[in-house]
Structure formats: C-alpha cells, structure tokens
Amino acid sequence: MADNEKTAEAGSRTVVIDLVVASLIFILGALVTYDSYKMGSSWGVDGPEAGYFPFFIGLMICISAVVVMVQSALKLKTDRTVFATHSQLKQVLIILVPSFLYVSGIQLVGLYVPSALFIALFMKFVGKYSWLRSVIVGCSVSVIAFMLFELWFKIPLPKGPVESLFGY
C-alpha cells in the first residue's frame, strides 16, 4: 500500500491535520497583525510606522491560513488519506517529547546536566545500550563539552546549580 493511500489504517487524517495547523498559523498571524496595529500600522508623515510591514505580513499569513482552511474543509468529507498512523506518531513522539524536555531542561538547569541525561537516556532506551555505557558516554560528552567551551574557548553557555557547585 502506498504512503498516500493509507486509508484502511487508523491514524490522523491529512485534512484534519491541515485544519489544525492552518488554525494555529491563523492565530499566529492574527497576533502579529494585532500587535502591529497597536504599534502603528499606517503610513506616518515621515514614512511607515513601526508596525506597518509586520501588519501586512501578519495579514498575508492570516489570508494564507484561511485559504488552507477552506481547501481542507472542502475535502473533509471526501479525503480519507491518513497523515500518519498511530505507530508513526508514536515514533515521532519518542523523539519529540524527550527533545522538548531537553530544551526545557536547558532553560531550568543549564546545558550540561540535561545534555548528559538526554544522551544517556537516548542511548539506553532508543539505542538499547547498557546503563553503564550510556551513563559513561552521556557524562563524558558533557564534561568534554564543558572543558571545550567554558575552559578552552572561553565561551559561556547556560549553566545551572551543578556548575555553580564547582565555581562556574
């Protein structure tokens, strides 16, 4: 069965995904348009105001999103193609959720500890390596990155409480 003909499998329909994404993009465009209007989106005596160009870009984003929404709505009853099956979405989430947690962790506790955890847990659960090898590689990569950036190149990267214990 071809990828674009996955109609018998359970999963998210393409038109539904199109509608959801177009709605989110419309909201983004509406926020840009609204904020630009508040800043001033007209032509002033000395030229365009601060929100002039962003206003029209936001407006174009909204119009484009509406076009996609209308196209998707017209195909809603007839198009049964599946965007992704549940097993495919699971594979995406196996990468997406830990990556999101990793980026969030950087904001909370710096770069090095989340990097060690991210590498070690990926090696263990996705790569099926032993705990010992996973922890050694995760910690080694973070220590080497710390030495490389912080000590040798003098490039400060986000740090957290663990690094402050060592005086950084």
Protein backbone atom coordinates (compact mmCIF):
# COMPACT_ATOMS: atom_id res chain seq x y z
CA MET A 1 0.00 0.00 0.00
CA ALA A 2 1.43 3.40 -0.96
CA ASP A 3 2.02 6.07 1.68
CA ASN A 4 -0.55 8.43 0.19
CA GLU A 5 -3.19 5.68 0.10
CA LYS A 6 -3.12 4.70 3.77
CA THR A 7 -6.87 4.76 4.23
CA ALA A 8 -7.50 1.46 5.99
CA GLU A 9 -5.08 2.11 8.86
CA ALA A 10 -6.11 4.01 11.94
CA GLY A 11 -4.50 7.38 12.29
CA SER A 12 -4.85 11.10 11.87
CA ARG A 13 -6.45 12.22 8.61
CA THR A 14 -4.49 14.65 6.48
CA VAL A 15 -7.34 17.16 6.16
CA VAL A 16 -7.80 17.29 9.93
CA ILE A 17 -4.09 17.96 10.43
CA ASP A 18 -4.27 20.63 7.72
CA LEU A 19 -7.17 22.32 9.52
CA VAL A 20 -5.42 22.24 12.90
CA VAL A 21 -2.13 23.60 11.55
CA ALA A 22 -3.87 26.26 9.46
CA SER A 23 -5.82 27.35 12.55
CA LEU A 24 -2.63 27.66 14.59
CA ILE A 25 -0.95 29.62 11.80
CA PHE A 26 -4.01 31.88 11.56
CA ILE A 27 -3.78 32.58 15.30
CA LEU A 28 -0.09 33.42 14.92
CA GLY A 29 -0.86 35.76 12.01
CA ALA A 30 -3.69 37.37 13.96
CA LEU A 31 -1.35 38.02 16.91
CA VAL A 32 1.22 39.61 14.61
CA THR A 33 -1.47 41.73 12.96
CA TYR A 34 -2.98 42.83 16.29
CA ASP A 35 0.35 43.77 17.87
CA SER A 36 1.45 45.57 14.72
CA TYR A 37 -1.80 47.53 14.67
CA LYS A 38 -1.24 48.56 18.30
CA MET A 39 2.28 49.77 17.41
CA GLY A 40 1.02 51.74 14.47
CA SER A 41 0.44 50.15 11.13
CA SER A 42 -0.27 53.10 8.93
CA TRP A 43 1.83 55.49 6.91
CA GLY A 44 3.05 58.38 9.05
CA VAL A 45 4.27 61.82 7.99
CA ASP A 46 7.82 60.56 7.89
CA GLY A 47 7.11 57.15 6.33
CA PRO A 48 5.82 53.82 7.55
CA GLU A 49 5.18 53.40 11.26
CA ALA A 50 6.85 50.62 13.25
CA GLY A 51 4.07 48.10 12.69
CA TYR A 52 3.43 48.82 9.00
CA PHE A 53 5.31 45.93 7.42
CA PRO A 54 4.64 43.36 10.18
CA PHE A 55 0.92 44.21 9.95
CA PHE A 56 0.77 43.27 6.29
CA ILE A 57 2.93 40.19 6.77
CA GLY A 58 0.55 39.05 9.54
CA LEU A 59 -2.39 39.79 7.25
CA MET A 60 -0.85 37.68 4.46
CA ILE A 61 -0.28 34.85 6.97
CA CYS A 62 -3.95 35.03 8.00
CA ILE A 63 -5.17 35.03 4.39
CA SER A 64 -2.95 32.06 3.53
CA ALA A 65 -4.21 30.15 6.56
CA VAL A 66 -7.83 30.84 5.60
CA VAL A 67 -7.16 29.53 2.07
CA VAL A 68 -5.74 26.30 3.51
CA MET A 69 -8.68 26.01 5.92
CA VAL A 70 -11.22 26.42 3.10
CA GLN A 71 -9.41 23.90 0.89
CA SER A 72 -9.28 21.41 3.76
CA ALA A 73 -12.91 21.97 4.71
CA LEU A 74 -13.98 21.28 1.12
CA LYS A 75 -12.09 17.96 1.18
CA LEU A 76 -13.18 16.98 4.70
CA LYS A 77 -15.90 14.52 3.66
CA THR A 78 -14.16 13.04 0.61
CA ASP A 79 -10.46 12.83 1.50
CA ARG A 80 -9.77 9.84 3.75
CA THR A 81 -5.99 9.72 3.42
CA VAL A 82 -4.12 9.23 6.64
CA PHE A 83 -1.43 11.73 7.54
CA ALA A 84 0.26 9.39 9.97
CA THR A 85 -0.70 6.13 11.59
CA HIS A 86 -0.67 5.77 15.35
CA SER A 87 2.57 3.78 15.21
CA GLN A 88 4.20 6.51 13.09
CA LEU A 89 3.04 9.20 15.51
CA LYS A 90 4.46 7.13 18.37
CA GLN A 91 7.86 7.08 16.64
CA VAL A 92 7.75 10.86 16.23
CA LEU A 93 6.77 11.37 19.86
CA ILE A 94 9.63 9.13 21.03
CA ILE A 95 11.95 11.81 19.63
CA LEU A 96 9.80 14.93 20.10
CA VAL A 97 8.90 14.59 23.80
CA PRO A 98 12.46 13.99 25.08
CA SER A 99 13.75 16.77 22.83
CA PHE A 100 11.15 19.17 24.26
CA LEU A 101 12.09 18.13 27.80
CA TYR A 102 15.77 18.59 26.94
CA VAL A 103 15.25 22.14 25.69
CA SER A 104 13.08 22.92 28.72
CA GLY A 105 15.75 21.48 31.00
CA ILE A 106 18.37 23.77 29.48
CA GLN A 107 16.24 26.75 30.48
CA LEU A 108 15.94 25.45 34.04
CA VAL A 109 19.32 23.92 34.92
CA GLY A 110 21.76 24.88 32.18
CA LEU A 111 23.16 22.96 29.24
CA TYR A 112 25.45 20.30 30.64
CA VAL A 113 23.26 18.26 33.01
CA PRO A 114 20.31 17.98 30.58
CA SER A 115 22.76 17.05 27.81
CA ALA A 116 24.21 14.22 29.87
CA LEU A 117 20.72 12.95 30.74
CA PHE A 118 19.47 13.31 27.16
CA ILE A 119 22.38 11.38 25.67
CA ALA A 120 22.35 8.67 28.35
CA LEU A 121 18.60 8.09 28.22
CA PHE A 122 18.54 8.03 24.43
CA MET A 123 21.38 5.54 24.37
CA LYS A 124 19.60 3.34 26.91
CA PHE A 125 16.02 3.41 25.63
CA VAL A 126 16.39 4.04 21.89
CA GLY A 127 19.84 2.58 21.25
CA LYS A 128 19.38 -0.30 23.75
CA TYR A 129 22.87 0.17 25.25
CA SER A 130 23.68 -0.85 28.82
CA TRP A 131 23.18 1.61 31.67
CA LEU A 132 26.89 1.72 32.34
CA ARG A 133 27.87 2.61 28.77
CA SER A 134 25.00 5.11 28.46
CA VAL A 135 25.92 6.97 31.66
CA ILE A 136 29.65 6.99 30.84
CA VAL A 137 29.09 8.38 27.33
CA GLY A 138 26.47 10.93 28.44
CA CYS A 139 28.64 12.26 31.26
CA SER A 140 31.81 12.18 29.15
CA VAL A 141 30.25 14.19 26.34
CA SER A 142 29.00 16.82 28.81
CA VAL A 143 32.36 17.06 30.61
CA ILE A 144 34.25 17.35 27.32
CA ALA A 145 31.80 19.98 26.05
CA PHE A 146 32.21 21.92 29.30
CA MET A 147 36.00 21.82 29.06
CA LEU A 148 35.94 22.74 25.39
CA PHE A 149 33.57 25.68 25.60
CA GLU A 150 33.98 27.03 29.12
CA LEU A 151 37.67 26.44 29.77
CA TRP A 152 39.45 26.40 26.42
CA PHE A 153 37.36 28.61 24.13
CA LYS A 154 36.02 30.81 26.98
CA ILE A 155 32.50 30.68 25.52
CA PRO A 156 29.96 30.83 28.34
CA LEU A 157 26.96 28.56 27.83
CA PRO A 158 23.88 28.27 30.05
CA LYS A 159 24.83 26.88 33.44
CA GLY A 160 22.81 25.75 36.42
CA PRO A 161 23.22 24.77 40.06
CA VAL A 162 25.60 21.86 39.41
CA GLU A 163 28.12 24.11 37.68
CA SER A 164 27.84 26.69 40.46
CA LEU A 165 28.87 23.99 42.94
CA PHE A 166 32.17 23.89 41.06
CA GLY A 167 32.51 27.69 40.99
CA TYR A 168 31.25 28.36 37.46
